PDB file of N, CA and C in Angstrom:
ATOM      1  N   MET A   1     -34.407 -24.926  19.895  1.00  0.00           N
ATOM      2  CA  MET A   1     -32.995 -25.181  20.122  1.00  0.00           C
ATOM      3  C   MET A   1     -32.301 -25.225  18.763  1.00  0.00           C
ATOM      4  N   ARG A   2     -31.172 -24.563  18.672  1.00  0.00           N
ATOM      5  CA  ARG A   2     -30.406 -24.521  17.431  1.00  0.00           C
ATOM      6  C   ARG A   2     -29.535 -25.753  17.308  1.00  0.00           C
ATOM      7  N   SER A   3     -29.369 -26.171  16.083  1.00  0.00           N
ATOM      8  CA  SER A   3     -28.518 -27.337  15.870  1.00  0.00           C
ATOM      9  C   SER A   3     -27.055 -26.923  15.830  1.00  0.00           C
ATOM     10  N   ALA A   4     -26.178 -27.839  16.081  1.00  0.00           N
ATOM     11  CA  ALA A   4     -24.743 -27.580  16.088  1.00  0.00           C
ATOM     12  C   ALA A   4     -24.242 -27.065  14.737  1.00  0.00           C
ATOM     13  N   PRO A   5     -24.705 -27.605  13.597  1.00  0.00           N
ATOM     14  CA  PRO A   5     -24.213 -27.095  12.308  1.00  0.00           C
ATOM     15  C   PRO A   5     -24.560 -25.624  12.072  1.00  0.00           C
ATOM     16  N   SER A   6     -25.764 -25.187  12.484  1.00  0.00           N
ATOM     17  CA  SER A   6     -26.123 -23.784  12.247  1.00  0.00           C
ATOM     18  C   SER A   6     -25.333 -22.853  13.161  1.00  0.00           C
ATOM     19  N   ILE A   7     -25.043 -23.274  14.371  1.00  0.00           N
ATOM     20  CA  ILE A   7     -24.210 -22.462  15.273  1.00  0.00           C
ATOM     21  C   ILE A   7     -22.791 -22.392  14.725  1.00  0.00           C
ATOM     22  N   PHE A   8     -22.281 -23.513  14.258  1.00  0.00           N
ATOM     23  CA  PHE A   8     -20.948 -23.540  13.665  1.00  0.00           C
ATOM     24  C   PHE A   8     -20.879 -22.608  12.457  1.00  0.00           C
ATOM     25  N   ALA A   9     -21.913 -22.615  11.616  1.00  0.00           N
ATOM     26  CA  ALA A   9     -21.948 -21.754  10.434  1.00  0.00           C
ATOM     27  C   ALA A   9     -21.951 -20.281  10.840  1.00  0.00           C
ATOM     28  N   ALA A  10     -22.724 -19.935  11.861  1.00  0.00           N
ATOM     29  CA  ALA A  10     -22.782 -18.545  12.315  1.00  0.00           C
ATOM     30  C   ALA A  10     -21.429 -18.085  12.849  1.00  0.00           C
ATOM     31  N   VAL A  11     -20.776 -18.918  13.628  1.00  0.00           N
ATOM     32  CA  VAL A  11     -19.457 -18.582  14.178  1.00  0.00           C
ATOM     33  C   VAL A  11     -18.437 -18.442  13.050  1.00  0.00           C
ATOM     34  N   THR A  12     -18.502 -19.330  12.079  1.00  0.00           N
ATOM     35  CA  THR A  12     -17.571 -19.278  10.948  1.00  0.00           C
ATOM     36  C   THR A  12     -17.759 -18.005  10.152  1.00  0.00           C
ATOM     37  N   ILE A  13     -18.999 -17.634   9.868  1.00  0.00           N
ATOM     38  CA  ILE A  13     -19.281 -16.416   9.101  1.00  0.00           C
ATOM     39  C   ILE A  13     -18.820 -15.185   9.864  1.00  0.00           C
ATOM     40  N   LEU A  14     -19.133 -15.112  11.155  1.00  0.00           N
ATOM     41  CA  LEU A  14     -18.707 -13.959  11.954  1.00  0.00           C
ATOM     42  C   LEU A  14     -17.192 -13.887  12.047  1.00  0.00           C
ATOM     43  N   GLY A  15     -16.536 -15.009  12.193  1.00  0.00           N
ATOM     44  CA  GLY A  15     -15.070 -15.032  12.256  1.00  0.00           C
ATOM     45  C   GLY A  15     -14.452 -14.567  10.956  1.00  0.00           C
ATOM     46  N   ALA A  16     -14.991 -15.004   9.837  1.00  0.00           N
ATOM     47  CA  ALA A  16     -14.468 -14.593   8.531  1.00  0.00           C
ATOM     48  C   ALA A  16     -14.686 -13.108   8.311  1.00  0.00           C
ATOM     49  N   ALA A  17     -15.831 -12.589   8.737  1.00  0.00           N
ATOM     50  CA  ALA A  17     -16.113 -11.165   8.560  1.00  0.00           C
ATOM     51  C   ALA A  17     -15.148 -10.312   9.376  1.00  0.00           C
ATOM     52  N   SER A  18     -14.854 -10.720  10.594  1.00  0.00           N
ATOM     53  CA  SER A  18     -13.928  -9.927  11.411  1.00  0.00           C
ATOM     54  C   SER A  18     -12.505 -10.030  10.879  1.00  0.00           C
ATOM     55  N   TRP A  19     -12.133 -11.193  10.327  1.00  0.00           N
ATOM     56  CA  TRP A  19     -10.804 -11.342   9.736  1.00  0.00           C
ATOM     57  C   TRP A  19     -10.684 -10.470   8.503  1.00  0.00           C
ATOM     58  N   ALA A  20     -11.707 -10.406   7.663  1.00  0.00           N
ATOM     59  CA  ALA A  20     -11.666  -9.628   6.426  1.00  0.00           C
ATOM     60  C   ALA A  20     -11.627  -8.143   6.710  1.00  0.00           C
ATOM     61  N   SER A  21     -12.208  -7.711   7.829  1.00  0.00           N
ATOM     62  CA  SER A  21     -12.228  -6.286   8.124  1.00  0.00           C
ATOM     63  C   SER A  21     -10.960  -5.821   8.833  1.00  0.00           C
ATOM     64  N   ALA A  22     -10.082  -6.742   9.193  1.00  0.00           N
ATOM     65  CA  ALA A  22      -8.837  -6.360   9.848  1.00  0.00           C
ATOM     66  C   ALA A  22      -8.003  -5.509   8.892  1.00  0.00           C
ATOM     67  N   ALA A  23      -7.367  -4.505   9.427  1.00  0.00           N
ATOM     68  CA  ALA A  23      -6.575  -3.592   8.603  1.00  0.00           C
ATOM     69  C   ALA A  23      -5.387  -4.309   7.980  1.00  0.00           C
ATOM     70  N   GLU A  24      -5.161  -4.019   6.719  1.00  0.00           N
ATOM     71  CA  GLU A  24      -3.999  -4.573   6.024  1.00  0.00           C
ATOM     72  C   GLU A  24      -2.741  -3.915   6.578  1.00  0.00           C
ATOM     73  N   PRO A  25      -1.619  -4.622   6.544  1.00  0.00           N
ATOM     74  CA  PRO A  25      -0.371  -4.033   7.011  1.00  0.00           C
ATOM     75  C   PRO A  25       0.014  -2.819   6.167  1.00  0.00           C
ATOM     76  N   VAL A  26       0.442  -1.775   6.831  1.00  0.00           N
ATOM     77  CA  VAL A  26       0.871  -0.559   6.156  1.00  0.00           C
ATOM     78  C   VAL A  26       2.294  -0.261   6.598  1.00  0.00           C
ATOM     79  N   VAL A  27       3.137   0.055   5.638  1.00  0.00           N
ATOM     80  CA  VAL A  27       4.524   0.420   5.921  1.00  0.00           C
ATOM     81  C   VAL A  27       4.758   1.782   5.302  1.00  0.00           C
ATOM     82  N   THR A  28       5.403   2.676   6.032  1.00  0.00           N
ATOM     83  CA  THR A  28       5.725   3.993   5.480  1.00  0.00           C
ATOM     84  C   THR A  28       7.230   4.194   5.486  1.00  0.00           C
ATOM     85  N   ALA A  29       7.686   5.007   4.556  1.00  0.00           N
ATOM     86  CA  ALA A  29       9.103   5.344   4.452  1.00  0.00           C
ATOM     87  C   ALA A  29       9.197   6.767   3.922  1.00  0.00           C
ATOM     88  N   ALA A  30      10.358   7.359   4.061  1.00  0.00           N
ATOM     89  CA  ALA A  30      10.573   8.710   3.551  1.00  0.00           C
ATOM     90  C   ALA A  30      11.864   8.733   2.750  1.00  0.00           C
ATOM     91  N   GLY A  31      11.943   9.661   1.825  1.00  0.00           N
ATOM     92  CA  GLY A  31      13.139   9.787   1.016  1.00  0.00           C
ATOM     93  C   GLY A  31      13.080  11.030   0.159  1.00  0.00           C
ATOM     94  N   THR A  32      14.131  11.220  -0.627  1.00  0.00           N
ATOM     95  CA  THR A  32      14.214  12.353  -1.545  1.00  0.00           C
ATOM     96  C   THR A  32      14.245  11.808  -2.962  1.00  0.00           C
ATOM     97  N   ILE A  33      13.419  12.388  -3.819  1.00  0.00           N
ATOM     98  CA  ILE A  33      13.331  11.914  -5.196  1.00  0.00           C
ATOM     99  C   ILE A  33      14.576  12.320  -5.978  1.00  0.00           C
ATOM    100  N   LYS A  34      15.154  11.339  -6.660  1.00  0.00           N
ATOM    101  CA  LYS A  34      16.284  11.586  -7.561  1.00  0.00           C
ATOM    102  C   LYS A  34      15.761  11.820  -8.979  1.00  0.00           C
ATOM    103  N   THR A  35      14.887  10.903  -9.443  1.00  0.00           N
ATOM    104  CA  THR A  35      14.293  11.050 -10.773  1.00  0.00           C
ATOM    105  C   THR A  35      12.841  10.583 -10.759  1.00  0.00           C
ATOM    106  N   VAL A  36      12.060  11.187 -11.662  1.00  0.00           N
ATOM    107  CA  VAL A  36      10.694  10.760 -11.917  1.00  0.00           C
ATOM    108  C   VAL A  36      10.657  10.321 -13.371  1.00  0.00           C
ATOM    109  N   ASP A  37      10.315   9.058 -13.598  1.00  0.00           N
ATOM    110  CA  ASP A  37      10.266   8.503 -14.950  1.00  0.00           C
ATOM    111  C   ASP A  37       8.805   8.342 -15.354  1.00  0.00           C
ATOM    112  N   MET A  38       8.302   9.307 -16.126  1.00  0.00           N
ATOM    113  CA  MET A  38       6.904   9.291 -16.534  1.00  0.00           C
ATOM    114  C   MET A  38       6.634   8.158 -17.528  1.00  0.00           C
ATOM    115  N   LEU A  39       7.612   7.838 -18.374  1.00  0.00           N
ATOM    116  CA  LEU A  39       7.432   6.801 -19.379  1.00  0.00           C
ATOM    117  C   LEU A  39       7.186   5.434 -18.735  1.00  0.00           C
ATOM    118  N   HIS A  40       7.968   5.116 -17.703  1.00  0.00           N
ATOM    119  CA  HIS A  40       7.850   3.817 -17.031  1.00  0.00           C
ATOM    120  C   HIS A  40       7.032   3.892 -15.738  1.00  0.00           C
ATOM    121  N   HIS A  41       6.469   5.075 -15.447  1.00  0.00           N
ATOM    122  CA  HIS A  41       5.660   5.301 -14.244  1.00  0.00           C
ATOM    123  C   HIS A  41       6.398   4.799 -13.001  1.00  0.00           C
ATOM    124  N   SER A  42       7.580   5.398 -12.761  1.00  0.00           N
ATOM    125  CA  SER A  42       8.378   4.995 -11.601  1.00  0.00           C
ATOM    126  C   SER A  42       9.120   6.202 -11.044  1.00  0.00           C
ATOM    127  N   ILE A  43       9.543   6.067  -9.804  1.00  0.00           N
ATOM    128  CA  ILE A  43      10.392   7.088  -9.182  1.00  0.00           C
ATOM    129  C   ILE A  43      11.628   6.398  -8.629  1.00  0.00           C
ATOM    130  N   THR A  44      12.726   7.137  -8.623  1.00  0.00           N
ATOM    131  CA  THR A  44      13.963   6.654  -8.018  1.00  0.00           C
ATOM    132  C   THR A  44      14.341   7.638  -6.929  1.00  0.00           C
ATOM    133  N   LEU A  45      14.671   7.120  -5.764  1.00  0.00           N
ATOM    134  CA  LEU A  45      15.088   7.958  -4.651  1.00  0.00           C
ATOM    135  C   LEU A  45      16.602   8.118  -4.662  1.00  0.00           C
ATOM    136  N   THR A  46      17.094   9.075  -3.892  1.00  0.00           N
ATOM    137  CA  THR A  46      18.536   9.337  -3.849  1.00  0.00           C
ATOM    138  C   THR A  46      19.321   8.170  -3.271  1.00  0.00           C
ATOM    139  N   ASN A  47      18.651   7.254  -2.560  1.00  0.00           N
ATOM    140  CA  ASN A  47      19.353   6.082  -2.027  1.00  0.00           C
ATOM    141  C   ASN A  47      19.472   4.968  -3.075  1.00  0.00           C
ATOM    142  N   GLY A  48      18.939   5.212  -4.296  1.00  0.00           N
ATOM    143  CA  GLY A  48      19.039   4.247  -5.380  1.00  0.00           C
ATOM    144  C   GLY A  48      17.840   3.329  -5.530  1.00  0.00           C
ATOM    145  N   SER A  49      16.919   3.352  -4.595  1.00  0.00           N
ATOM    146  CA  SER A  49      15.722   2.514  -4.673  1.00  0.00           C
ATOM    147  C   SER A  49      14.769   3.059  -5.729  1.00  0.00           C
ATOM    148  N   THR A  50      14.244   2.164  -6.568  1.00  0.00           N
ATOM    149  CA  THR A  50      13.276   2.552  -7.591  1.00  0.00           C
ATOM    150  C   THR A  50      11.959   1.867  -7.296  1.00  0.00           C
ATOM    151  N   TYR A  51      10.871   2.632  -7.394  1.00  0.00           N
ATOM    152  CA  TYR A  51       9.539   2.110  -7.099  1.00  0.00           C
ATOM    153  C   TYR A  51       8.596   2.411  -8.251  1.00  0.00           C
ATOM    154  N   LYS A  52       7.699   1.479  -8.490  1.00  0.00           N
ATOM    155  CA  LYS A  52       6.648   1.647  -9.488  1.00  0.00           C
ATOM    156  C   LYS A  52       5.342   1.767  -8.706  1.00  0.00           C
ATOM    157  N   PRO A  53       4.789   2.972  -8.610  1.00  0.00           N
ATOM    158  CA  PRO A  53       3.571   3.172  -7.832  1.00  0.00           C
ATOM    159  C   PRO A  53       2.358   2.476  -8.451  1.00  0.00           C
ATOM    160  N   ALA A  54       1.348   2.283  -7.634  1.00  0.00           N
ATOM    161  CA  ALA A  54       0.090   1.699  -8.092  1.00  0.00           C
ATOM    162  C   ALA A  54      -0.546   2.605  -9.141  1.00  0.00           C
ATOM    163  N   ARG A  55      -1.401   2.005  -9.941  1.00  0.00           N
ATOM    164  CA  ARG A  55      -2.142   2.786 -10.939  1.00  0.00           C
ATOM    165  C   ARG A  55      -2.940   3.875 -10.247  1.00  0.00           C
ATOM    166  N   GLY A  56      -3.072   4.978 -10.907  1.00  0.00           N
ATOM    167  CA  GLY A  56      -3.865   6.066 -10.353  1.00  0.00           C
ATOM    168  C   GLY A  56      -3.047   7.099  -9.598  1.00  0.00           C
ATOM    169  N   ILE A  57      -1.802   6.804  -9.287  1.00  0.00           N
ATOM    170  CA  ILE A  57      -0.960   7.789  -8.610  1.00  0.00           C
ATOM    171  C   ILE A  57      -0.361   8.701  -9.675  1.00  0.00           C
ATOM    172  N   ASN A  58      -0.633   9.983  -9.545  1.00  0.00           N
ATOM    173  CA  ASN A  58      -0.163  10.974 -10.510  1.00  0.00           C
ATOM    174  C   ASN A  58       1.251  11.418 -10.142  1.00  0.00           C
ATOM    175  N   LEU A  59       2.213  11.021 -10.953  1.00  0.00           N
ATOM    176  CA  LEU A  59       3.611  11.378 -10.688  1.00  0.00           C
ATOM    177  C   LEU A  59       3.974  12.772 -11.184  1.00  0.00           C
ATOM    178  N   GLU A  60       3.111  13.394 -11.970  1.00  0.00           N
ATOM    179  CA  GLU A  60       3.411  14.707 -12.541  1.00  0.00           C
ATOM    180  C   GLU A  60       3.600  15.786 -11.478  1.00  0.00           C
ATOM    181  N   ARG A  61       3.057  15.579 -10.314  1.00  0.00           N
ATOM    182  CA  ARG A  61       3.170  16.612  -9.266  1.00  0.00           C
ATOM    183  C   ARG A  61       4.452  16.503  -8.444  1.00  0.00           C
ATOM    184  N   PHE A  62       5.295  15.526  -8.758  1.00  0.00           N
ATOM    185  CA  PHE A  62       6.545  15.339  -8.028  1.00  0.00           C
ATOM    186  C   PHE A  62       7.740  15.682  -8.905  1.00  0.00           C
ATOM    187  N   LYS A  63       8.833  16.131  -8.253  1.00  0.00           N
ATOM    188  CA  LYS A  63      10.028  16.508  -9.016  1.00  0.00           C
ATOM    189  C   LYS A  63      11.285  16.101  -8.257  1.00  0.00           C
ATOM    190  N   ALA A  64      12.388  16.042  -8.987  1.00  0.00           N
ATOM    191  CA  ALA A  64      13.678  15.695  -8.385  1.00  0.00           C
ATOM    192  C   ALA A  64      14.005  16.669  -7.263  1.00  0.00           C
ATOM    193  N   GLY A  65      14.556  16.124  -6.180  1.00  0.00           N
ATOM    194  CA  GLY A  65      14.932  16.937  -5.027  1.00  0.00           C
ATOM    195  C   GLY A  65      13.831  17.072  -3.988  1.00  0.00           C
ATOM    196  N   GLN A  66      12.628  16.661  -4.321  1.00  0.00           N
ATOM    197  CA  GLN A  66      11.500  16.770  -3.403  1.00  0.00           C
ATOM    198  C   GLN A  66      11.527  15.648  -2.378  1.00  0.00           C
ATOM    199  N   LYS A  67      11.312  16.008  -1.121  1.00  0.00           N
ATOM    200  CA  LYS A  67      11.220  15.013  -0.052  1.00  0.00           C
ATOM    201  C   LYS A  67       9.792  14.486  -0.016  1.00  0.00           C
ATOM    202  N   VAL A  68       9.682  13.154   0.053  1.00  0.00           N
ATOM    203  CA  VAL A  68       8.365  12.521   0.012  1.00  0.00           C
ATOM    204  C   VAL A  68       8.213  11.457   1.084  1.00  0.00           C
ATOM    205  N   ARG A  69       6.947  11.141   1.361  1.00  0.00           N
ATOM    206  CA  ARG A  69       6.592  10.060   2.270  1.00  0.00           C
ATOM    207  C   ARG A  69       5.901   8.994   1.427  1.00  0.00           C
ATOM    208  N   LEU A  70       6.359   7.768   1.502  1.00  0.00           N
ATOM    209  CA  LEU A  70       5.824   6.660   0.720  1.00  0.00           C
ATOM    210  C   LEU A  70       5.009   5.751   1.623  1.00  0.00           C
ATOM    211  N   THR A  71       3.878   5.278   1.126  1.00  0.00           N
ATOM    212  CA  THR A  71       3.041   4.348   1.877  1.00  0.00           C
ATOM    213  C   THR A  71       2.894   3.074   1.064  1.00  0.00           C
ATOM    214  N   PHE A  72       3.198   1.963   1.686  1.00  0.00           N
ATOM    215  CA  PHE A  72       3.116   0.655   1.041  1.00  0.00           C
ATOM    216  C   PHE A  72       2.027  -0.164   1.724  1.00  0.00           C
ATOM    217  N   ARG A  73       1.251  -0.883   0.923  1.00  0.00           N
ATOM    218  CA  ARG A  73       0.211  -1.765   1.450  1.00  0.00           C
ATOM    219  C   ARG A  73       0.303  -3.116   0.749  1.00  0.00           C
ATOM    220  N   ARG A  74      -0.163  -4.129   1.415  1.00  0.00           N
ATOM    221  CA  ARG A  74      -0.237  -5.454   0.800  1.00  0.00           C
ATOM    222  C   ARG A  74      -1.407  -5.445  -0.171  1.00  0.00           C
ATOM    223  N   SER A  75      -1.175  -5.946  -1.364  1.00  0.00           N
ATOM    224  CA  SER A  75      -2.206  -5.969  -2.397  1.00  0.00           C
ATOM    225  C   SER A  75      -2.615  -7.411  -2.671  1.00  0.00           C
ATOM    226  N   GLY A  76      -3.786  -7.792  -2.195  1.00  0.00           N
ATOM    227  CA  GLY A  76      -4.281  -9.147  -2.418  1.00  0.00           C
ATOM    228  C   GLY A  76      -3.529 -10.171  -1.593  1.00  0.00           C
ATOM    229  N   PRO A  77      -3.529 -11.413  -2.051  1.00  0.00           N
ATOM    230  CA  PRO A  77      -2.917 -12.490  -1.276  1.00  0.00           C
ATOM    231  C   PRO A  77      -1.387 -12.521  -1.373  1.00  0.00           C
ATOM    232  N   SER A  78      -0.811 -11.716  -2.268  1.00  0.00           N
ATOM    233  CA  SER A  78       0.632 -11.706  -2.449  1.00  0.00           C
ATOM    234  C   SER A  78       1.324 -11.151  -1.201  1.00  0.00           C
ATOM    235  N   PRO A  79       2.472 -11.712  -0.820  1.00  0.00           N
ATOM    236  CA  PRO A  79       3.198 -11.182   0.337  1.00  0.00           C
ATOM    237  C   PRO A  79       3.929  -9.880   0.030  1.00  0.00           C
ATOM    238  N   GLU A  80       3.981  -9.496  -1.252  1.00  0.00           N
ATOM    239  CA  GLU A  80       4.695  -8.286  -1.633  1.00  0.00           C
ATOM    240  C   GLU A  80       3.872  -7.042  -1.308  1.00  0.00           C
ATOM    241  N   LEU A  81       4.574  -5.970  -0.979  1.00  0.00           N
ATOM    242  CA  LEU A  81       3.924  -4.703  -0.701  1.00  0.00           C
ATOM    243  C   LEU A  81       3.903  -3.852  -1.970  1.00  0.00           C
ATOM    244  N   GLU A  82       2.829  -3.082  -2.128  1.00  0.00           N
ATOM    245  CA  GLU A  82       2.672  -2.208  -3.281  1.00  0.00           C
ATOM    246  C   GLU A  82       2.760  -0.758  -2.815  1.00  0.00           C
ATOM    247  N   LEU A  83       3.443   0.076  -3.605  1.00  0.00           N
ATOM    248  CA  LEU A  83       3.505   1.503  -3.293  1.00  0.00           C
ATOM    249  C   LEU A  83       2.145   2.088  -3.603  1.00  0.00           C
ATOM    250  N   SER A  84       1.367   2.373  -2.566  1.00  0.00           N
ATOM    251  CA  SER A  84      -0.018   2.794  -2.746  1.00  0.00           C
ATOM    252  C   SER A  84      -0.236   4.289  -2.645  1.00  0.00           C
ATOM    253  N   ALA A  85       0.732   5.024  -2.096  1.00  0.00           N
ATOM    254  CA  ALA A  85       0.563   6.478  -1.968  1.00  0.00           C
ATOM    255  C   ALA A  85       1.919   7.161  -1.855  1.00  0.00           C
ATOM    256  N   ILE A  86       1.993   8.352  -2.440  1.00  0.00           N
ATOM    257  CA  ILE A  86       3.176   9.205  -2.323  1.00  0.00           C
ATOM    258  C   ILE A  86       2.657  10.583  -1.938  1.00  0.00           C
ATOM    259  N   ALA A  87       3.273  11.183  -0.938  1.00  0.00           N
ATOM    260  CA  ALA A  87       2.869  12.513  -0.494  1.00  0.00           C
ATOM    261  C   ALA A  87       4.103  13.316  -0.156  1.00  0.00           C
ATOM    262  N   PRO A  88       4.032  14.642  -0.321  1.00  0.00           N
ATOM    263  CA  PRO A  88       5.158  15.476   0.107  1.00  0.00           C
ATOM    264  C   PRO A  88       5.420  15.262   1.593  1.00  0.00           C
ATOM    265  N   ALA A  89       6.690  15.159   1.957  1.00  0.00           N
ATOM    266  CA  ALA A  89       7.055  14.960   3.364  1.00  0.00           C
ATOM    267  C   ALA A  89       6.866  16.256   4.116  1.00  0.00           C
ATOM    268  N   GLU A  90       6.421  16.118   5.341  1.00  0.00           N
ATOM    269  CA  GLU A  90       6.275  17.301   6.190  1.00  0.00           C
ATOM    270  C   GLU A  90       7.626  17.629   6.780  1.00  0.00           C
ATOM    271  N   ASN A  91       7.996  18.875   6.694  1.00  0.00           N
ATOM    272  CA  ASN A  91       9.328  19.296   7.201  1.00  0.00           C
ATOM    273  C   ASN A  91       9.352  19.451   8.675  1.00  0.00           C
TER     274      ASN A  91
END
């Protein structure tokens, strides 16, 4: 017969594992690029919004006037969303 503490530990571990594997919130948006600032690693859309993408996103492949799809994800425990991906928008 298993003791109550070991059953509690098993339930706690399984619960934490399922919580950790839950998908992070993802938000997508679309827009047209107004400027690409390579020096500050940021893009500005025609609506005036400026975003600083996550490290590793290559901005060299984007240009002013290009329609793009932006993907934002939560990064760590912070409630703020990070621009995690930029892709050409499908027409």
